[in-house]
Amino acid sequence: MHSARNFESIAIIFNPNSTGNAPELAEQLQVKLKDTLPYAPEITLQPTEHAGHAVELARTAAARGGDVLVVSVSGDGGYNEVVNGVMQAGNPQAVCAVMAAGNANDHRRITGTKPLEEAIAEGHVRQIDLLSIHTGQQEGEPLEYAHSYIGFGLTPVVATELEKGSKGALTEMVSVIKTFSKFEPFGIRTSDGKRRKFDSLVFANIPEMAKYATLSEAEDHPSDGKFEVIIFPHMPKWRVLLTALRATTQGLGDQPSVSSYEFTTLKPLPYQMDGEVKTVEANVKVRVECAPAALATVG
């Protein structure tokens, strides 16, 4: 469903200490919007001051009510914070957008249709699905949302290692090889009560991740009311490498598509949401669900 929208206010959120060019891109976007929009919304630059600050800024901007657009000038992790802040605000008229200024930029690469300033000027808003994850939150605590994927096992372990050093193709490759050589599988109890051991378990709302890997052949992402489950059962490391190579060259092909998935952790388990690494405790029932058409977006 598409609708043309004029925005009363536009908040542009960015990390001023970004290793990329987020501050420059944010300033350029503000200038372009002031020059191109046929109406005159309030357009503010809102730099973050610490980890998690983008959630607070986005929640505050969206909670003002009315037709507000919250733009994240960032990579996938920064956009994850903005999406969660907007979802917490509970404003059904709030709209999100992302301008790529990170390392992988998977979401923008897959879902972007035109230059962001053009999309905002046209005001064509569309609804996309999100992934929600329940990791033992108490009643009243906000759920966590992912715009692209949630990964357990090898995915967050590699991500944590990459964050320790500088970005770059060679650095990334060396980090992945070192981490992979030390990686151990993880166990969970599936919804049927069986214990299973995996090397990787990914819930994907888009068909690609980490710039190079094609996870599935689904064509309706991310607005089909379902997500794909990509499972690497525990296997010899050489087979994992071959599977990963297939993902980066020809893709993994069709994958199971579901609207929810449940399992119970056996030990504390790290997981990655759109580049952000978190941890769920042992003996926790984890539930991943599709939140159909939960996010309004332009771009």
C-alpha atoms as a PDB file:
ATOM      1  CA  MET A   1       0.000   0.000   0.000  1.00  0.00           C
ATOM      2  CA  HIS A   2       1.455   3.383  -1.016  1.00  0.00           C
ATOM      3  CA  SER A   3       0.403   6.887  -0.003  1.00  0.00           C
ATOM      4  CA  ALA A   4       1.873  10.299  -0.772  1.00  0.00           C
ATOM      5  CA  ARG A   5       2.897  12.122   2.376  1.00  0.00           C
ATOM      6  CA  ASN A   6       4.034  15.602   3.348  1.00  0.00           C
ATOM      7  CA  PHE A   7       6.011  15.577   6.567  1.00  0.00           C
ATOM      8  CA  GLU A   8       5.570  18.090   9.360  1.00  0.00           C
ATOM      9  CA  SER A   9       9.057  17.403  10.711  1.00  0.00           C
ATOM     10  CA  ILE A  10      12.141  15.453   9.632  1.00  0.00           C
ATOM     11  CA  ALA A  11      14.762  14.280  12.134  1.00  0.00           C
ATOM     12  CA  ILE A  12      18.120  13.226  10.653  1.00  0.00           C
ATOM     13  CA  ILE A  13      19.996  11.036  13.146  1.00  0.00           C
ATOM     14  CA  PHE A  14      23.697  10.238  12.679  1.00  0.00           C
ATOM     15  CA  ASN A  15      26.839   9.301  14.585  1.00  0.00           C
ATOM     16  CA  PRO A  16      29.272  12.268  14.531  1.00  0.00           C
ATOM     17  CA  ASN A  17      32.141   9.899  15.350  1.00  0.00           C
ATOM     18  CA  SER A  18      31.353   7.496  12.529  1.00  0.00           C
ATOM     19  CA  THR A  19      34.329   5.911  10.812  1.00  0.00           C
ATOM     20  CA  GLY A  20      32.565   6.724   7.550  1.00  0.00           C
ATOM     21  CA  ASN A  21      31.189  10.015   6.260  1.00  0.00           C
ATOM     22  CA  ALA A  22      27.895  10.101   8.172  1.00  0.00           C
ATOM     23  CA  PRO A  23      28.206  13.735   9.369  1.00  0.00           C
ATOM     24  CA  GLU A  24      28.846  15.033   5.842  1.00  0.00           C
ATOM     25  CA  LEU A  25      26.043  12.932   4.355  1.00  0.00           C
ATOM     26  CA  ALA A  26      23.607  14.096   7.044  1.00  0.00           C
ATOM     27  CA  GLU A  27      24.405  17.754   6.371  1.00  0.00           C
ATOM     28  CA  GLN A  28      24.134  17.252   2.615  1.00  0.00           C
ATOM     29  CA  LEU A  29      20.752  15.551   2.999  1.00  0.00           C
ATOM     30  CA  GLN A  30      19.445  18.432   5.115  1.00  0.00           C
ATOM     31  CA  VAL A  31      20.513  20.964   2.467  1.00  0.00           C
ATOM     32  CA  LYS A  32      19.035  18.914  -0.392  1.00  0.00           C
ATOM     33  CA  LEU A  33      15.698  18.503   1.381  1.00  0.00           C
ATOM     34  CA  LYS A  34      15.454  22.207   2.135  1.00  0.00           C
ATOM     35  CA  ASP A  35      16.148  22.935  -1.540  1.00  0.00           C
ATOM     36  CA  THR A  36      13.856  20.313  -3.075  1.00  0.00           C
ATOM     37  CA  LEU A  37      10.791  19.899  -0.845  1.00  0.00           C
ATOM     38  CA  PRO A  38       7.839  21.961  -2.114  1.00  0.00           C
ATOM     39  CA  TYR A  39       6.729  22.488   1.486  1.00  0.00           C
ATOM     40  CA  ALA A  40       8.750  23.598   4.533  1.00  0.00           C
ATOM     41  CA  PRO A  41       8.969  20.999   7.301  1.00  0.00           C
ATOM     42  CA  GLU A  42      11.212  21.412  10.335  1.00  0.00           C
ATOM     43  CA  ILE A  43      14.439  19.570   9.438  1.00  0.00           C
ATOM     44  CA  THR A  44      16.841  18.922  12.306  1.00  0.00           C
ATOM     45  CA  LEU A  45      20.248  17.261  12.525  1.00  0.00           C
ATOM     46  CA  GLN A  46      20.477  15.085  15.626  1.00  0.00           C
ATOM     47  CA  PRO A  47      23.937  13.641  16.382  1.00  0.00           C
ATOM     48  CA  THR A  48      24.171  10.695  18.773  1.00  0.00           C
ATOM     49  CA  GLU A  49      26.308  10.921  21.903  1.00  0.00           C
ATOM     50  CA  HIS A  50      26.637   7.288  22.961  1.00  0.00           C
ATOM     51  CA  ALA A  51      25.636   3.738  22.071  1.00  0.00           C
ATOM     52  CA  GLY A  52      21.862   3.372  22.132  1.00  0.00           C
ATOM     53  CA  HIS A  53      21.283   7.127  21.898  1.00  0.00           C
ATOM     54  CA  ALA A  54      19.696   6.754  18.457  1.00  0.00           C
ATOM     55  CA  VAL A  55      16.880   4.756  20.071  1.00  0.00           C
ATOM     56  CA  GLU A  56      16.161   7.648  22.440  1.00  0.00           C
ATOM     57  CA  LEU A  57      16.372  10.301  19.718  1.00  0.00           C
ATOM     58  CA  ALA A  58      14.118   8.374  17.345  1.00  0.00           C
ATOM     59  CA  ARG A  59      11.575   7.624  20.078  1.00  0.00           C
ATOM     60  CA  THR A  60      11.436  11.289  21.097  1.00  0.00           C
ATOM     61  CA  ALA A  61      11.114  12.496  17.492  1.00  0.00           C
ATOM     62  CA  ALA A  62       8.330  10.030  16.662  1.00  0.00           C
ATOM     63  CA  ALA A  63       6.492  10.604  19.942  1.00  0.00           C
ATOM     64  CA  ARG A  64       5.855  14.242  18.972  1.00  0.00           C
ATOM     65  CA  GLY A  65       2.997  12.873  16.903  1.00  0.00           C
ATOM     66  CA  GLY A  66       1.826  13.779  13.448  1.00  0.00           C
ATOM     67  CA  ASP A  67       3.562  13.117  10.154  1.00  0.00           C
ATOM     68  CA  VAL A  68       7.165  12.799  11.255  1.00  0.00           C
ATOM     69  CA  LEU A  69      10.007  11.268   9.244  1.00  0.00           C
ATOM     70  CA  VAL A  70      13.008   9.858  11.104  1.00  0.00           C
ATOM     71  CA  VAL A  71      16.057   9.329   8.890  1.00  0.00           C
ATOM     72  CA  SER A  72      19.056   7.277   9.995  1.00  0.00           C
ATOM     73  CA  VAL A  73      22.315   8.182   8.244  1.00  0.00           C
ATOM     74  CA  SER A  74      24.142   5.000   9.181  1.00  0.00           C
ATOM     75  CA  GLY A  75      24.716   1.357   8.487  1.00  0.00           C
ATOM     76  CA  ASP A  76      22.406  -1.491   9.428  1.00  0.00           C
ATOM     77  CA  GLY A  77      23.172  -1.282  13.158  1.00  0.00           C
ATOM     78  CA  GLY A  78      22.396   2.415  13.441  1.00  0.00           C
ATOM     79  CA  TYR A  79      19.183   1.967  11.497  1.00  0.00           C
ATOM     80  CA  ASN A  80      18.221  -0.862  13.849  1.00  0.00           C
ATOM     81  CA  GLU A  81      18.326   1.586  16.762  1.00  0.00           C
ATOM     82  CA  VAL A  82      16.215   4.156  14.907  1.00  0.00           C
ATOM     83  CA  VAL A  83      13.616   1.552  13.925  1.00  0.00           C
ATOM     84  CA  ASN A  84      13.331   0.357  17.523  1.00  0.00           C
ATOM     85  CA  GLY A  85      12.978   3.913  18.801  1.00  0.00           C
ATOM     86  CA  VAL A  86      10.182   4.651  16.344  1.00  0.00           C
ATOM     87  CA  MET A  87       8.406   1.402  17.192  1.00  0.00           C
ATOM     88  CA  GLN A  88       8.558   2.247  20.908  1.00  0.00           C
ATOM     89  CA  ALA A  89       6.979   5.669  20.277  1.00  0.00           C
ATOM     90  CA  GLY A  90       3.719   4.144  19.078  1.00  0.00           C
ATOM     91  CA  ASN A  91       2.987   6.861  16.505  1.00  0.00           C
ATOM     92  CA  PRO A  92       1.198   5.211  13.540  1.00  0.00           C
ATOM     93  CA  GLN A  93       2.019   8.215  11.332  1.00  0.00           C
ATOM     94  CA  ALA A  94       5.780   8.032  11.935  1.00  0.00           C
ATOM     95  CA  VAL A  95       7.908   7.003   8.954  1.00  0.00           C
ATOM     96  CA  CYS A  96      11.490   5.701   8.840  1.00  0.00           C
ATOM     97  CA  ALA A  97      14.211   5.917   6.209  1.00  0.00           C
ATOM     98  CA  VAL A  98      17.907   5.106   5.987  1.00  0.00           C
ATOM     99  CA  MET A  99      20.775   6.692   4.067  1.00  0.00           C
ATOM    100  CA  ALA A 100      23.663   4.244   3.737  1.00  0.00           C
ATOM    101  CA  ALA A 101      26.744   5.328   5.677  1.00  0.00           C
ATOM    102  CA  GLY A 102      28.027   2.077   7.158  1.00  0.00           C
ATOM    103  CA  ASN A 103      29.962  -1.042   6.320  1.00  0.00           C
ATOM    104  CA  ALA A 104      27.464  -3.541   4.912  1.00  0.00           C
ATOM    105  CA  ASN A 105      24.305  -1.428   4.358  1.00  0.00           C
ATOM    106  CA  ASP A 106      22.361  -4.594   3.526  1.00  0.00           C
ATOM    107  CA  HIS A 107      18.923  -3.116   4.138  1.00  0.00           C
ATOM    108  CA  ARG A 108      19.406  -0.005   2.007  1.00  0.00           C
ATOM    109  CA  ARG A 109      21.058  -2.008  -0.772  1.00  0.00           C
ATOM    110  CA  ILE A 110      18.148  -4.448  -0.973  1.00  0.00           C
ATOM    111  CA  THR A 111      15.175  -2.154  -0.393  1.00  0.00           C
ATOM    112  CA  GLY A 112      16.323   1.173  -1.857  1.00  0.00           C
ATOM    113  CA  THR A 113      14.577   2.200  -5.064  1.00  0.00           C
ATOM    114  CA  LYS A 114      15.952   5.716  -5.764  1.00  0.00           C
ATOM    115  CA  PRO A 115      18.044   8.481  -4.182  1.00  0.00           C
ATOM    116  CA  LEU A 116      16.626   9.143  -0.733  1.00  0.00           C
ATOM    117  CA  GLU A 117      15.986  12.871  -1.214  1.00  0.00           C
ATOM    118  CA  GLU A 118      13.895  12.070  -4.313  1.00  0.00           C
ATOM    119  CA  ALA A 119      11.855   9.455  -2.459  1.00  0.00           C
ATOM    120  CA  ILE A 120      11.197  11.857   0.414  1.00  0.00           C
ATOM    121  CA  ALA A 121      10.152  14.622  -1.990  1.00  0.00           C
ATOM    122  CA  GLU A 122       7.722  12.253  -3.722  1.00  0.00           C
ATOM    123  CA  GLY A 123       6.390  11.183  -0.330  1.00  0.00           C
ATOM    124  CA  HIS A 124       5.501   7.640  -1.374  1.00  0.00           C
ATOM    125  CA  VAL A 125       5.277   5.682   1.876  1.00  0.00           C
ATOM    126  CA  ARG A 126       5.142   1.889   1.906  1.00  0.00           C
ATOM    127  CA  GLN A 127       4.764  -0.639   4.706  1.00  0.00           C
ATOM    128  CA  ILE A 128       7.348  -3.362   5.272  1.00  0.00           C
ATOM    129  CA  ASP A 129       7.579  -6.280   7.689  1.00  0.00           C
ATOM    130  CA  LEU A 130       9.870  -6.386  10.691  1.00  0.00           C
ATOM    131  CA  LEU A 131      11.189  -9.277  12.741  1.00  0.00           C
ATOM    132  CA  SER A 132      10.390  -9.204  16.463  1.00  0.00           C
ATOM    133  CA  ILE A 133      12.257 -11.255  19.035  1.00  0.00           C
ATOM    134  CA  HIS A 134      11.091 -12.149  22.522  1.00  0.00           C
ATOM    135  CA  THR A 135      13.956 -13.109  24.836  1.00  0.00           C
ATOM    136  CA  GLY A 136      12.199 -13.218  28.182  1.00  0.00           C
ATOM    137  CA  GLN A 137      11.049  -9.600  28.401  1.00  0.00           C
ATOM    138  CA  GLN A 138       8.696  -8.870  31.277  1.00  0.00           C
ATOM    139  CA  GLU A 139       5.222  -7.496  30.683  1.00  0.00           C
ATOM    140  CA  GLY A 140       5.467  -3.857  29.638  1.00  0.00           C
ATOM    141  CA  GLU A 141       9.039  -4.132  28.389  1.00  0.00           C
ATOM    142  CA  PRO A 142       9.429  -3.288  24.692  1.00  0.00           C
ATOM    143  CA  LEU A 143      10.138  -6.040  22.192  1.00  0.00           C
ATOM    144  CA  GLU A 144      13.246  -5.848  20.056  1.00  0.00           C
ATOM    145  CA  TYR A 145      12.833  -5.468  16.306  1.00  0.00           C
ATOM    146  CA  ALA A 146      15.101  -6.209  13.361  1.00  0.00           C
ATOM    147  CA  HIS A 147      14.622  -4.764   9.902  1.00  0.00           C
ATOM    148  CA  SER A 148      16.756  -7.349   8.088  1.00  0.00           C
ATOM    149  CA  TYR A 149      17.902 -10.399  10.040  1.00  0.00           C
ATOM    150  CA  ILE A 150      18.547 -12.049  13.398  1.00  0.00           C
ATOM    151  CA  GLY A 151      21.435 -14.508  13.551  1.00  0.00           C
ATOM    152  CA  PHE A 152      22.676 -17.010  16.149  1.00  0.00           C
ATOM    153  CA  GLY A 153      25.932 -18.948  16.118  1.00  0.00           C
ATOM    154  CA  LEU A 154      28.642 -18.046  13.654  1.00  0.00           C
ATOM    155  CA  THR A 155      27.013 -14.753  12.608  1.00  0.00           C
ATOM    156  CA  PRO A 156      27.324 -12.812  15.911  1.00  0.00           C
ATOM    157  CA  VAL A 157      30.702 -14.361  16.734  1.00  0.00           C
ATOM    158  CA  VAL A 158      32.183 -13.073  13.479  1.00  0.00           C
ATOM    159  CA  ALA A 159      30.470  -9.708  13.932  1.00  0.00           C
ATOM    160  CA  THR A 160      31.973  -9.273  17.399  1.00  0.00           C
ATOM    161  CA  GLU A 161      35.443  -9.989  16.055  1.00  0.00           C
ATOM    162  CA  LEU A 162      35.020  -7.543  13.169  1.00  0.00           C
ATOM    163  CA  GLU A 163      34.032  -4.764  15.566  1.00  0.00           C
ATOM    164  CA  LYS A 164      37.374  -5.102  17.383  1.00  0.00           C
ATOM    165  CA  GLY A 165      39.380  -3.875  14.413  1.00  0.00           C
ATOM    166  CA  SER A 166      39.139  -1.447  11.535  1.00  0.00           C
ATOM    167  CA  LYS A 167      36.891  -2.178   8.582  1.00  0.00           C
ATOM    168  CA  GLY A 168      38.269  -3.189   5.222  1.00  0.00           C
ATOM    169  CA  ALA A 169      38.134  -6.195   2.924  1.00  0.00           C
ATOM    170  CA  LEU A 170      41.486  -7.692   4.003  1.00  0.00           C
ATOM    171  CA  THR A 171      40.841  -7.052   7.689  1.00  0.00           C
ATOM    172  CA  GLU A 172      37.398  -8.614   7.412  1.00  0.00           C
ATOM    173  CA  MET A 173      38.712 -11.702   5.645  1.00  0.00           C
ATOM    174  CA  VAL A 174      41.495 -12.285   8.179  1.00  0.00           C
ATOM    175  CA  SER A 175      39.105 -11.774  11.116  1.00  0.00           C
ATOM    176  CA  VAL A 176      36.576 -14.202   9.682  1.00  0.00           C
ATOM    177  CA  ILE A 177      39.223 -16.892   9.107  1.00  0.00           C
ATOM    178  CA  LYS A 178      40.683 -16.526  12.608  1.00  0.00           C
ATOM    179  CA  THR A 179      37.280 -16.544  14.271  1.00  0.00           C
ATOM    180  CA  PHE A 180      35.992 -19.446  12.206  1.00  0.00           C
ATOM    181  CA  SER A 181      38.971 -21.610  13.140  1.00  0.00           C
ATOM    182  CA  LYS A 182      38.083 -21.257  16.849  1.00  0.00           C
ATOM    183  CA  PHE A 183      34.305 -21.367  16.496  1.00  0.00           C
ATOM    184  CA  GLU A 184      32.289 -23.981  18.405  1.00  0.00           C
ATOM    185  CA  PRO A 185      28.697 -25.017  17.591  1.00  0.00           C
ATOM    186  CA  PHE A 186      25.790 -24.185  19.901  1.00  0.00           C
ATOM    187  CA  GLY A 187      22.882 -26.259  21.142  1.00  0.00           C
ATOM    188  CA  ILE A 188      19.204 -25.401  21.586  1.00  0.00           C
ATOM    189  CA  ARG A 189      15.989 -27.205  22.445  1.00  0.00           C
ATOM    190  CA  THR A 190      13.551 -26.890  19.558  1.00  0.00           C
ATOM    191  CA  SER A 191       9.794 -26.437  19.959  1.00  0.00           C
ATOM    192  CA  ASP A 192       9.262 -30.211  19.676  1.00  0.00           C
ATOM    193  CA  GLY A 193      11.468 -30.776  22.745  1.00  0.00           C
ATOM    194  CA  LYS A 194      14.481 -32.156  20.880  1.00  0.00           C
ATOM    195  CA  ARG A 195      18.032 -30.954  21.454  1.00  0.00           C
ATOM    196  CA  ARG A 196      19.792 -29.911  18.280  1.00  0.00           C
ATOM    197  CA  LYS A 197      23.253 -28.575  17.543  1.00  0.00           C
ATOM    198  CA  PHE A 198      23.831 -25.819  14.971  1.00  0.00           C
ATOM    199  CA  ASP A 199      26.709 -23.880  13.509  1.00  0.00           C
ATOM    200  CA  SER A 200      24.406 -21.076  12.393  1.00  0.00           C
ATOM    201  CA  LEU A 201      20.740 -20.172  12.633  1.00  0.00           C
ATOM    202  CA  VAL A 202      19.556 -17.071  10.766  1.00  0.00           C
ATOM    203  CA  PHE A 203      16.082 -15.565  10.484  1.00  0.00           C
ATOM    204  CA  ALA A 204      16.062 -13.343   7.404  1.00  0.00           C
ATOM    205  CA  ASN A 205      13.685 -10.590   6.369  1.00  0.00           C
ATOM    206  CA  ILE A 206      15.794  -9.778   3.300  1.00  0.00           C
ATOM    207  CA  PRO A 207      17.446 -12.257   0.918  1.00  0.00           C
ATOM    208  CA  GLU A 208      21.045 -11.031   1.357  1.00  0.00           C
ATOM    209  CA  MET A 209      23.399 -10.206   4.217  1.00  0.00           C
ATOM    210  CA  ALA A 210      27.008  -9.215   4.913  1.00  0.00           C
ATOM    211  CA  LYS A 211      27.331  -7.592   1.460  1.00  0.00           C
ATOM    212  CA  TYR A 212      28.100 -10.841  -0.333  1.00  0.00           C
ATOM    213  CA  ALA A 213      25.871 -13.707   0.840  1.00  0.00           C
ATOM    214  CA  THR A 214      22.570 -14.589  -0.861  1.00  0.00           C
ATOM    215  CA  LEU A 215      20.484 -16.401   1.726  1.00  0.00           C
ATOM    216  CA  SER A 216      17.332 -17.201  -0.197  1.00  0.00           C
ATOM    217  CA  GLU A 217      15.498 -16.791  -3.477  1.00  0.00           C
ATOM    218  CA  ALA A 218      12.409 -15.141  -1.959  1.00  0.00           C
ATOM    219  CA  GLU A 219      11.083 -12.319  -4.144  1.00  0.00           C
ATOM    220  CA  ASP A 220       8.532 -10.646  -1.837  1.00  0.00           C
ATOM    221  CA  HIS A 221      10.902  -9.537   0.909  1.00  0.00           C
ATOM    222  CA  PRO A 222      10.341  -7.713   3.140  1.00  0.00           C
ATOM    223  CA  SER A 223       6.567  -7.470   2.841  1.00  0.00           C
ATOM    224  CA  ASP A 224       5.219 -11.004   2.498  1.00  0.00           C
ATOM    225  CA  GLY A 225       4.254 -11.618   6.125  1.00  0.00           C
ATOM    226  CA  LYS A 226       6.940 -14.282   6.567  1.00  0.00           C
ATOM    227  CA  PHE A 227      10.687 -14.693   7.017  1.00  0.00           C
ATOM    228  CA  GLU A 228      13.190 -17.313   5.904  1.00  0.00           C
ATOM    229  CA  VAL A 229      14.950 -19.703   8.286  1.00  0.00           C
ATOM    230  CA  ILE A 230      18.502 -20.520   7.197  1.00  0.00           C
ATOM    231  CA  ILE A 231      19.981 -23.393   9.180  1.00  0.00           C
ATOM    232  CA  PHE A 232      23.550 -24.673   9.214  1.00  0.00           C
ATOM    233  CA  PRO A 233      23.361 -27.880  11.291  1.00  0.00           C
ATOM    234  CA  HIS A 234      26.631 -28.793  12.963  1.00  0.00           C
ATOM    235  CA  MET A 235      28.978 -30.214  10.365  1.00  0.00           C
ATOM    236  CA  PRO A 236      32.723 -30.445   9.665  1.00  0.00           C
ATOM    237  CA  LYS A 237      34.281 -27.023   9.161  1.00  0.00           C
ATOM    238  CA  TRP A 238      35.185 -27.758   5.548  1.00  0.00           C
ATOM    239  CA  ARG A 239      31.500 -28.296   4.782  1.00  0.00           C
ATOM    240  CA  VAL A 240      30.573 -25.044   6.489  1.00  0.00           C
ATOM    241  CA  LEU A 241      33.147 -23.263   4.330  1.00  0.00           C
ATOM    242  CA  LEU A 242      31.729 -24.831   1.176  1.00  0.00           C
ATOM    243  CA  THR A 243      28.203 -23.770   2.160  1.00  0.00           C
ATOM    244  CA  ALA A 244      29.386 -20.229   2.876  1.00  0.00           C
ATOM    245  CA  LEU A 245      31.172 -20.169  -0.480  1.00  0.00           C
ATOM    246  CA  ARG A 246      27.974 -21.260  -2.211  1.00  0.00           C
ATOM    247  CA  ALA A 247      26.107 -18.435  -0.455  1.00  0.00           C
ATOM    248  CA  THR A 248      28.554 -15.855  -1.825  1.00  0.00           C
ATOM    249  CA  THR A 249      28.652 -17.241  -5.364  1.00  0.00           C
ATOM    250  CA  GLN A 250      25.377 -18.856  -6.419  1.00  0.00           C
ATOM    251  CA  GLY A 251      23.207 -18.420  -3.316  1.00  0.00           C
ATOM    252  CA  LEU A 252      21.648 -20.965  -0.985  1.00  0.00           C
ATOM    253  CA  GLY A 253      18.451 -21.405  -2.989  1.00  0.00           C
ATOM    254  CA  ASP A 254      14.939 -21.750  -1.568  1.00  0.00           C
ATOM    255  CA  GLN A 255      14.667 -21.766   2.227  1.00  0.00           C
ATOM    256  CA  PRO A 256      11.779 -22.565   4.597  1.00  0.00           C
ATOM    257  CA  SER A 257       9.454 -19.596   5.040  1.00  0.00           C
ATOM    258  CA  VAL A 258       7.565 -19.172   8.329  1.00  0.00           C
ATOM    259  CA  SER A 259       5.771 -16.523  10.370  1.00  0.00           C
ATOM    260  CA  SER A 260       7.197 -17.606  13.754  1.00  0.00           C
ATOM    261  CA  TYR A 261       9.931 -19.810  15.221  1.00  0.00           C
ATOM    262  CA  GLU A 262      10.511 -20.865  18.841  1.00  0.00           C
ATOM    263  CA  PHE A 263      13.364 -22.548  20.710  1.00  0.00           C
ATOM    264  CA  THR A 264      14.894 -22.627  24.195  1.00  0.00           C
ATOM    265  CA  THR A 265      18.506 -21.738  24.934  1.00  0.00           C
ATOM    266  CA  LEU A 266      20.672 -24.222  26.828  1.00  0.00           C
ATOM    267  CA  LYS A 267      23.515 -21.798  27.586  1.00  0.00           C
ATOM    268  CA  PRO A 268      23.964 -18.016  27.282  1.00  0.00           C
ATOM    269  CA  LEU A 269      23.867 -17.330  23.565  1.00  0.00           C
ATOM    270  CA  PRO A 270      24.972 -14.262  21.592  1.00  0.00           C
ATOM    271  CA  TYR A 271      22.859 -13.133  18.679  1.00  0.00           C
ATOM    272  CA  GLN A 272      23.109 -10.437  16.045  1.00  0.00           C
ATOM    273  CA  MET A 273      20.295  -8.106  15.011  1.00  0.00           C
ATOM    274  CA  ASP A 274      21.087  -6.079  11.897  1.00  0.00           C
ATOM    275  CA  GLY A 275      24.713  -5.812  12.995  1.00  0.00           C
ATOM    276  CA  GLU A 276      24.016  -5.171  16.690  1.00  0.00           C
ATOM    277  CA  VAL A 277      25.303  -7.994  18.943  1.00  0.00           C
ATOM    278  CA  LYS A 278      23.336  -8.928  22.077  1.00  0.00           C
ATOM    279  CA  THR A 279      23.052 -11.945  24.394  1.00  0.00           C
ATOM    280  CA  VAL A 280      20.185 -14.061  25.679  1.00  0.00           C
ATOM    281  CA  GLU A 281      20.582 -15.977  28.939  1.00  0.00           C
ATOM    282  CA  ALA A 282      20.416 -19.753  29.409  1.00  0.00           C
ATOM    283  CA  ASN A 283      17.073 -21.577  29.725  1.00  0.00           C
ATOM    284  CA  VAL A 284      15.115 -18.815  28.010  1.00  0.00           C
ATOM    285  CA  LYS A 285      12.351 -19.475  25.503  1.00  0.00           C
ATOM    286  CA  VAL A 286      13.152 -17.398  22.422  1.00  0.00           C
ATOM    287  CA  ARG A 287      10.374 -16.519  19.998  1.00  0.00           C
ATOM    288  CA  VAL A 288      11.022 -14.842  16.647  1.00  0.00           C
ATOM    289  CA  GLU A 289       7.944 -13.578  14.822  1.00  0.00           C
ATOM    290  CA  CYS A 290       7.121 -11.620  11.710  1.00  0.00           C
ATOM    291  CA  ALA A 291       5.505  -8.254  12.439  1.00  0.00           C
ATOM    292  CA  PRO A 292       3.600  -7.794   9.166  1.00  0.00           C
ATOM    293  CA  ALA A 293       3.628  -4.294   7.648  1.00  0.00           C
ATOM    294  CA  ALA A 294       4.864  -2.925  10.979  1.00  0.00           C
ATOM    295  CA  LEU A 295       7.130  -0.189   9.628  1.00  0.00           C
ATOM    296  CA  ALA A 296       6.282   2.717   7.334  1.00  0.00           C
ATOM    297  CA  THR A 297       9.230   3.699   5.176  1.00  0.00           C
ATOM    298  CA  VAL A 298      10.342   5.721   2.173  1.00  0.00           C
ATOM    299  CA  GLY A 299      13.293   5.172  -0.110  1.00  0.00           C
END
